[in-house]
């Protein structure tokens, strides 16, 4: 059984309360408090739907716009030192601090994608820096092998495997 439920764009986390022998759900992602409980899964789903429908009806009744999940803005609490380091690095890289957080979250949710882009960027920078050398260089990672061939004052050629 999954411990998350979804209905009309709202999500709830479900836990079991052994003291009351109930399944207890709490809607998250909004500041309004919506909770529900039931003895079995069918009753729980019905209670969740009733909770959301009741919330939407109540908001209509009082003229309030119902909250929606995930506006795209949230506060992040970190140590002052980490805040400083991230802010300085973002300035150095010419990106907004929000973009740094977005990259970190993307990497957290999709491990490998952002790191590979970063690696590719550094390989390109390395390639640029060795253009005036005459040499062949092979860079190898666990997944990829890059072969770079240069000749003095000539363009650098680089063989990059397909991903």
Foldseek 3Di string as FASTA:
>chain_A
DAQWDDDPQWIWGWDADPVVQKIKIWIDQDPDTFIFIDNDDVVRVVRVVCRVVVQVVVCVVVVHDDDHGDPPDDDDDDDPVVVVVLCVVCVVVVHDSSVVVVLVVCCVVPPPPSVVVVVVVVVVVVQVVCQQPADWDWDDDPVWIKIWGHDHPDHIDIDTDDD
